[in-house]
Amino acid sequence: MTHQDLMMGIPNARRSGGPRSPEGKVSASRNAFKTGVAAIGWYHPQEEAEYQELFGELLEQYAQATTVVRLLIERLATNSVKLRRLERLDNALHQKARLFAEDIAGERPENSVASLLPDTPQGRASAAAIMADAAMPPVEWTNSIERARINLERQISRLIEHIERVYQPAPASAGRLRLPGQDEADISDATILAQQPQPDARPGA
């Protein structure tokens, strides 16, 4: 594409208001949904807060982590928050579908399954169950969520295995003997002295 072609296309792009047909608008909404599922950044301050909290807990668990382990922990925390996002998105889609089905049943009961069943407690219960089963979000959307969920769960599992394999915890001082009145700085000296060979105290030695 030449510079002249690019300049000629600018006025057309400015006049374009996006898809106008119902089919085009549905397609555009699906593209936005797919982009949201695979988004890298945070949608809401709640997600960033969840990330910071989880990242801090992981750093406490893997104390004195190297740079490589820290990078793996960051990815683990990020993917975990994204997995929670998918769960919230899936719940929101099903809730929206149920509300939409209830609106149709309330506004146009003659078009709902309730009009096909007897007006009895059993009939109304059957109609409610059928409406609940029928109130499903688009299959394409639920499949996208499921594929993204499986992918994230696999990544999380691999990250945990990788972290456990490369992480080398520093020797903990909690298991060392601490004498009364002995502070942390004296523990290393006491440990060194305790490891020195002791003279043989047997008679005649």
C-alpha atoms as a PDB file:
ATOM      1  CA  MET A   1       0.000   0.000   0.000  1.00  0.00           C
ATOM      2  CA  THR A   2       1.403   3.365  -1.037  1.00  0.00           C
ATOM      3  CA  HIS A   3       1.261   6.571   0.963  1.00  0.00           C
ATOM      4  CA  GLN A   4      -1.306   7.956  -1.496  1.00  0.00           C
ATOM      5  CA  ASP A   5      -3.587   4.947  -1.000  1.00  0.00           C
ATOM      6  CA  LEU A   6      -3.285   5.360   2.754  1.00  0.00           C
ATOM      7  CA  MET A   7      -4.200   9.055   2.619  1.00  0.00           C
ATOM      8  CA  MET A   8      -7.191   8.319   0.375  1.00  0.00           C
ATOM      9  CA  GLY A   9      -8.489   5.766   2.843  1.00  0.00           C
ATOM     10  CA  ILE A  10      -8.497   8.147   5.831  1.00  0.00           C
ATOM     11  CA  PRO A  11     -11.765   9.959   4.864  1.00  0.00           C
ATOM     12  CA  ASN A  12     -13.518   6.612   4.376  1.00  0.00           C
ATOM     13  CA  ALA A  13     -12.311   5.426   7.760  1.00  0.00           C
ATOM     14  CA  ARG A  14     -13.611   8.591   9.417  1.00  0.00           C
ATOM     15  CA  ARG A  15     -17.042   8.144   7.831  1.00  0.00           C
ATOM     16  CA  SER A  16     -17.232   4.522   8.938  1.00  0.00           C
ATOM     17  CA  GLY A  17     -19.296   4.015  12.065  1.00  0.00           C
ATOM     18  CA  GLY A  18     -18.629   0.320  12.388  1.00  0.00           C
ATOM     19  CA  PRO A  19     -20.957  -2.492  11.341  1.00  0.00           C
ATOM     20  CA  ARG A  20     -24.541  -1.419  10.725  1.00  0.00           C
ATOM     21  CA  SER A  21     -26.300  -4.702   9.933  1.00  0.00           C
ATOM     22  CA  PRO A  22     -27.512  -6.926  12.790  1.00  0.00           C
ATOM     23  CA  GLU A  23     -25.210  -9.719  11.592  1.00  0.00           C
ATOM     24  CA  GLY A  24     -22.238  -7.358  11.552  1.00  0.00           C
ATOM     25  CA  LYS A  25     -22.976  -6.063  15.038  1.00  0.00           C
ATOM     26  CA  VAL A  26     -23.231  -9.604  16.409  1.00  0.00           C
ATOM     27  CA  SER A  27     -19.917 -10.495  14.781  1.00  0.00           C
ATOM     28  CA  ALA A  28     -18.285  -7.385  16.253  1.00  0.00           C
ATOM     29  CA  SER A  29     -19.584  -8.203  19.729  1.00  0.00           C
ATOM     30  CA  ARG A  30     -18.139 -11.700  19.451  1.00  0.00           C
ATOM     31  CA  ASN A  31     -14.771 -10.267  18.470  1.00  0.00           C
ATOM     32  CA  ALA A  32     -14.876  -8.008  21.528  1.00  0.00           C
ATOM     33  CA  PHE A  33     -15.770 -10.994  23.705  1.00  0.00           C
ATOM     34  CA  LYS A  34     -12.843 -13.050  22.357  1.00  0.00           C
ATOM     35  CA  THR A  35     -10.503 -10.119  22.920  1.00  0.00           C
ATOM     36  CA  GLY A  36     -11.712  -9.803  26.500  1.00  0.00           C
ATOM     37  CA  VAL A  37     -11.115 -13.483  27.219  1.00  0.00           C
ATOM     38  CA  ALA A  38      -7.524 -13.212  26.009  1.00  0.00           C
ATOM     39  CA  ALA A  39      -6.813  -9.752  27.432  1.00  0.00           C
ATOM     40  CA  ILE A  40      -3.405  -9.265  29.022  1.00  0.00           C
ATOM     41  CA  GLY A  41      -4.031  -6.278  31.296  1.00  0.00           C
ATOM     42  CA  TRP A  42      -6.433  -5.843  34.170  1.00  0.00           C
ATOM     43  CA  TYR A  43     -10.053  -4.912  33.504  1.00  0.00           C
ATOM     44  CA  HIS A  44     -10.836  -3.646  36.989  1.00  0.00           C
ATOM     45  CA  PRO A  45      -8.919  -2.471  40.076  1.00  0.00           C
ATOM     46  CA  GLN A  46     -10.259  -5.576  41.824  1.00  0.00           C
ATOM     47  CA  GLU A  47      -8.164  -7.750  39.516  1.00  0.00           C
ATOM     48  CA  GLU A  48      -5.021  -5.776  40.209  1.00  0.00           C
ATOM     49  CA  ALA A  49      -5.690  -6.024  43.948  1.00  0.00           C
ATOM     50  CA  GLU A  50      -6.172  -9.788  43.637  1.00  0.00           C
ATOM     51  CA  TYR A  51      -2.894 -10.039  41.750  1.00  0.00           C
ATOM     52  CA  GLN A  52      -0.947  -8.014  44.310  1.00  0.00           C
ATOM     53  CA  GLU A  53      -2.351 -10.072  47.194  1.00  0.00           C
ATOM     54  CA  LEU A  54      -1.622 -13.417  45.536  1.00  0.00           C
ATOM     55  CA  PHE A  55       1.824 -12.301  44.373  1.00  0.00           C
ATOM     56  CA  GLY A  56       2.713 -11.243  47.907  1.00  0.00           C
ATOM     57  CA  GLU A  57       1.550 -14.562  49.359  1.00  0.00           C
ATOM     58  CA  LEU A  58       3.613 -16.492  46.808  1.00  0.00           C
ATOM     59  CA  LEU A  59       6.707 -14.428  47.582  1.00  0.00           C
ATOM     60  CA  GLU A  60       6.280 -15.280  51.262  1.00  0.00           C
ATOM     61  CA  GLN A  61       5.930 -18.948  50.404  1.00  0.00           C
ATOM     62  CA  TYR A  62       9.008 -18.907  48.167  1.00  0.00           C
ATOM     63  CA  ALA A  63      11.238 -16.723  50.315  1.00  0.00           C
ATOM     64  CA  GLN A  64      14.506 -15.366  48.890  1.00  0.00           C
ATOM     65  CA  ALA A  65      13.450 -16.362  45.378  1.00  0.00           C
ATOM     66  CA  THR A  66      15.893 -15.837  42.531  1.00  0.00           C
ATOM     67  CA  THR A  67      15.059 -13.601  39.583  1.00  0.00           C
ATOM     68  CA  VAL A  68      13.974 -16.590  37.499  1.00  0.00           C
ATOM     69  CA  VAL A  69      11.694 -17.918  40.230  1.00  0.00           C
ATOM     70  CA  ARG A  70      10.269 -14.441  40.774  1.00  0.00           C
ATOM     71  CA  LEU A  71       9.387 -14.182  37.077  1.00  0.00           C
ATOM     72  CA  LEU A  72       7.693 -17.572  37.245  1.00  0.00           C
ATOM     73  CA  ILE A  73       5.772 -16.455  40.324  1.00  0.00           C
ATOM     74  CA  GLU A  74       4.597 -13.318  38.519  1.00  0.00           C
ATOM     75  CA  ARG A  75       3.288 -15.427  35.641  1.00  0.00           C
ATOM     76  CA  LEU A  76       1.629 -17.836  38.065  1.00  0.00           C
ATOM     77  CA  ALA A  77      -0.173 -15.006  39.873  1.00  0.00           C
ATOM     78  CA  THR A  78      -1.229 -13.419  36.567  1.00  0.00           C
ATOM     79  CA  ASN A  79      -2.688 -16.638  35.173  1.00  0.00           C
ATOM     80  CA  SER A  80      -4.472 -17.376  38.444  1.00  0.00           C
ATOM     81  CA  VAL A  81      -6.231 -13.997  38.362  1.00  0.00           C
ATOM     82  CA  LYS A  82      -7.150 -14.544  34.703  1.00  0.00           C
ATOM     83  CA  LEU A  83      -8.694 -17.877  35.658  1.00  0.00           C
ATOM     84  CA  ARG A  84     -10.860 -16.113  38.238  1.00  0.00           C
ATOM     85  CA  ARG A  85     -11.855 -13.627  35.531  1.00  0.00           C
ATOM     86  CA  LEU A  86     -13.092 -16.465  33.329  1.00  0.00           C
ATOM     87  CA  GLU A  87     -15.163 -17.848  36.201  1.00  0.00           C
ATOM     88  CA  ARG A  88     -16.794 -14.456  36.776  1.00  0.00           C
ATOM     89  CA  LEU A  89     -17.372 -14.019  33.045  1.00  0.00           C
ATOM     90  CA  ASP A  90     -18.996 -17.430  32.736  1.00  0.00           C
ATOM     91  CA  ASN A  91     -21.292 -16.726  35.699  1.00  0.00           C
ATOM     92  CA  ALA A  92     -22.235 -13.330  34.270  1.00  0.00           C
ATOM     93  CA  LEU A  93     -23.105 -14.810  30.872  1.00  0.00           C
ATOM     94  CA  HIS A  94     -25.374 -17.455  32.398  1.00  0.00           C
ATOM     95  CA  GLN A  95     -27.015 -14.894  34.678  1.00  0.00           C
ATOM     96  CA  LYS A  96     -27.654 -12.589  31.737  1.00  0.00           C
ATOM     97  CA  ALA A  97     -29.167 -15.443  29.740  1.00  0.00           C
ATOM     98  CA  ARG A  98     -31.492 -16.340  32.611  1.00  0.00           C
ATOM     99  CA  LEU A  99     -32.627 -12.740  33.025  1.00  0.00           C
ATOM    100  CA  PHE A 100     -33.261 -12.519  29.293  1.00  0.00           C
ATOM    101  CA  ALA A 101     -35.377 -15.682  29.394  1.00  0.00           C
ATOM    102  CA  GLU A 102     -37.346 -14.359  32.371  1.00  0.00           C
ATOM    103  CA  ASP A 103     -38.003 -11.090  30.549  1.00  0.00           C
ATOM    104  CA  ILE A 104     -39.351 -12.956  27.545  1.00  0.00           C
ATOM    105  CA  ALA A 105     -41.568 -15.121  29.733  1.00  0.00           C
ATOM    106  CA  GLY A 106     -42.884 -12.060  31.577  1.00  0.00           C
ATOM    107  CA  GLU A 107     -43.440  -9.791  28.583  1.00  0.00           C
ATOM    108  CA  ARG A 108     -44.667 -12.395  26.117  1.00  0.00           C
ATOM    109  CA  PRO A 109     -45.898 -15.403  28.104  1.00  0.00           C
ATOM    110  CA  GLU A 110     -47.740 -16.661  25.044  1.00  0.00           C
ATOM    111  CA  ASN A 111     -44.353 -17.244  23.391  1.00  0.00           C
ATOM    112  CA  SER A 112     -42.839 -19.106  26.343  1.00  0.00           C
ATOM    113  CA  VAL A 113     -43.033 -22.796  27.158  1.00  0.00           C
ATOM    114  CA  ALA A 114     -45.453 -21.981  29.984  1.00  0.00           C
ATOM    115  CA  SER A 115     -48.216 -21.540  27.418  1.00  0.00           C
ATOM    116  CA  LEU A 116     -47.678 -25.114  26.203  1.00  0.00           C
ATOM    117  CA  LEU A 117     -48.017 -26.760  29.617  1.00  0.00           C
ATOM    118  CA  PRO A 118     -51.005 -27.027  31.955  1.00  0.00           C
ATOM    119  CA  ASP A 119     -51.422 -24.201  34.463  1.00  0.00           C
ATOM    120  CA  THR A 120     -50.780 -26.428  37.471  1.00  0.00           C
ATOM    121  CA  PRO A 121     -47.993 -26.457  40.071  1.00  0.00           C
ATOM    122  CA  GLN A 122     -46.354 -29.356  38.265  1.00  0.00           C
ATOM    123  CA  GLY A 123     -46.768 -27.665  34.900  1.00  0.00           C
ATOM    124  CA  ARG A 124     -45.319 -24.384  36.145  1.00  0.00           C
ATOM    125  CA  ALA A 125     -42.379 -26.230  37.734  1.00  0.00           C
ATOM    126  CA  SER A 126     -41.721 -28.045  34.475  1.00  0.00           C
ATOM    127  CA  ALA A 127     -41.903 -24.766  32.568  1.00  0.00           C
ATOM    128  CA  ALA A 128     -39.443 -23.125  34.954  1.00  0.00           C
ATOM    129  CA  ALA A 129     -37.019 -26.038  34.587  1.00  0.00           C
ATOM    130  CA  ILE A 130     -37.243 -25.913  30.809  1.00  0.00           C
ATOM    131  CA  MET A 131     -36.697 -22.154  30.787  1.00  0.00           C
ATOM    132  CA  ALA A 132     -33.658 -22.537  33.045  1.00  0.00           C
ATOM    133  CA  ASP A 133     -32.148 -25.170  30.765  1.00  0.00           C
ATOM    134  CA  ALA A 134     -32.909 -23.121  27.675  1.00  0.00           C
ATOM    135  CA  ALA A 135     -31.421 -19.941  29.156  1.00  0.00           C
ATOM    136  CA  MET A 136     -27.923 -20.589  27.918  1.00  0.00           C
ATOM    137  CA  PRO A 137     -25.434 -18.079  26.516  1.00  0.00           C
ATOM    138  CA  PRO A 138     -24.200 -18.558  22.941  1.00  0.00           C
ATOM    139  CA  VAL A 139     -22.335 -21.834  22.576  1.00  0.00           C
ATOM    140  CA  GLU A 140     -19.474 -20.090  20.810  1.00  0.00           C
ATOM    141  CA  TRP A 141     -18.910 -17.891  23.867  1.00  0.00           C
ATOM    142  CA  THR A 142     -19.050 -20.730  26.382  1.00  0.00           C
ATOM    143  CA  ASN A 143     -16.681 -22.795  24.221  1.00  0.00           C
ATOM    144  CA  SER A 144     -14.232 -19.887  24.114  1.00  0.00           C
ATOM    145  CA  ILE A 145     -14.310 -19.645  27.907  1.00  0.00           C
ATOM    146  CA  GLU A 146     -13.814 -23.391  28.276  1.00  0.00           C
ATOM    147  CA  ARG A 147     -10.837 -23.455  25.908  1.00  0.00           C
ATOM    148  CA  ALA A 148      -9.242 -20.505  27.683  1.00  0.00           C
ATOM    149  CA  ARG A 149      -9.880 -22.116  31.079  1.00  0.00           C
ATOM    150  CA  ILE A 150      -8.243 -25.400  30.065  1.00  0.00           C
ATOM    151  CA  ASN A 151      -5.260 -23.539  28.620  1.00  0.00           C
ATOM    152  CA  LEU A 152      -4.781 -21.478  31.782  1.00  0.00           C
ATOM    153  CA  GLU A 153      -5.096 -24.501  34.066  1.00  0.00           C
ATOM    154  CA  ARG A 154      -2.406 -26.305  32.068  1.00  0.00           C
ATOM    155  CA  GLN A 155      -0.117 -23.279  32.229  1.00  0.00           C
ATOM    156  CA  ILE A 156      -0.666 -22.939  35.979  1.00  0.00           C
ATOM    157  CA  SER A 157       0.127 -26.624  36.525  1.00  0.00           C
ATOM    158  CA  ARG A 158       3.332 -26.373  34.475  1.00  0.00           C
ATOM    159  CA  LEU A 159       4.400 -23.199  36.276  1.00  0.00           C
ATOM    160  CA  ILE A 160       3.944 -24.798  39.688  1.00  0.00           C
ATOM    161  CA  GLU A 161       5.985 -27.826  38.615  1.00  0.00           C
ATOM    162  CA  HIS A 162       8.711 -25.582  37.190  1.00  0.00           C
ATOM    163  CA  ILE A 163       8.881 -23.424  40.318  1.00  0.00           C
ATOM    164  CA  GLU A 164       9.088 -26.458  42.593  1.00  0.00           C
ATOM    165  CA  ARG A 165      11.868 -27.861  40.424  1.00  0.00           C
ATOM    166  CA  VAL A 166      14.123 -24.788  40.281  1.00  0.00           C
ATOM    167  CA  TYR A 167      13.407 -23.222  43.674  1.00  0.00           C
ATOM    168  CA  GLN A 168      16.169 -23.771  46.203  1.00  0.00           C
ATOM    169  CA  PRO A 169      15.071 -22.590  49.666  1.00  0.00           C
ATOM    170  CA  ALA A 170      17.733 -21.049  51.847  1.00  0.00           C
ATOM    171  CA  PRO A 171      18.693 -23.018  54.981  1.00  0.00           C
ATOM    172  CA  ALA A 172      16.253 -22.017  57.694  1.00  0.00           C
ATOM    173  CA  SER A 173      17.559 -20.964  61.072  1.00  0.00           C
ATOM    174  CA  ALA A 174      14.363 -22.041  62.795  1.00  0.00           C
ATOM    175  CA  GLY A 175      15.680 -25.572  63.236  1.00  0.00           C
ATOM    176  CA  ARG A 176      18.935 -24.497  64.888  1.00  0.00           C
ATOM    177  CA  LEU A 177      19.453 -24.725  68.598  1.00  0.00           C
ATOM    178  CA  ARG A 178      18.888 -21.384  70.334  1.00  0.00           C
ATOM    179  CA  LEU A 179      20.262 -21.042  73.859  1.00  0.00           C
ATOM    180  CA  PRO A 180      18.659 -18.732  76.440  1.00  0.00           C
ATOM    181  CA  GLY A 181      19.783 -15.176  75.783  1.00  0.00           C
ATOM    182  CA  GLN A 182      21.329 -16.083  72.434  1.00  0.00           C
ATOM    183  CA  ASP A 183      20.427 -13.773  69.560  1.00  0.00           C
ATOM    184  CA  GLU A 184      20.279 -14.568  65.857  1.00  0.00           C
ATOM    185  CA  ALA A 185      23.797 -13.257  65.167  1.00  0.00           C
ATOM    186  CA  ASP A 186      25.312 -15.782  67.593  1.00  0.00           C
ATOM    187  CA  ILE A 187      23.603 -18.810  66.098  1.00  0.00           C
ATOM    188  CA  SER A 188      26.013 -19.208  63.188  1.00  0.00           C
ATOM    189  CA  ASP A 189      29.037 -19.115  65.530  1.00  0.00           C
ATOM    190  CA  ALA A 190      27.435 -21.617  67.882  1.00  0.00           C
ATOM    191  CA  THR A 191      26.637 -23.884  64.963  1.00  0.00           C
ATOM    192  CA  ILE A 192      30.226 -23.748  63.708  1.00  0.00           C
ATOM    193  CA  LEU A 193      31.607 -24.561  67.151  1.00  0.00           C
ATOM    194  CA  ALA A 194      29.175 -27.426  67.578  1.00  0.00           C
ATOM    195  CA  GLN A 195      30.403 -28.942  64.324  1.00  0.00           C
ATOM    196  CA  GLN A 196      34.080 -28.916  65.405  1.00  0.00           C
ATOM    197  CA  PRO A 197      35.544 -32.316  66.389  1.00  0.00           C
ATOM    198  CA  GLN A 198      35.653 -32.746  70.142  1.00  0.00           C
ATOM    199  CA  PRO A 199      38.686 -34.199  71.984  1.00  0.00           C
ATOM    200  CA  ASP A 200      38.422 -37.771  73.092  1.00  0.00           C
ATOM    201  CA  ALA A 201      37.591 -37.711  76.812  1.00  0.00           C
ATOM    202  CA  ARG A 202      38.137 -41.443  77.417  1.00  0.00           C
ATOM    203  CA  PRO A 203      40.649 -42.383  80.132  1.00  0.00           C
ATOM    204  CA  GLY A 204      44.107 -42.818  78.762  1.00  0.00           C
ATOM    205  CA  ALA A 205      43.279 -41.005  75.566  1.00  0.00           C
END
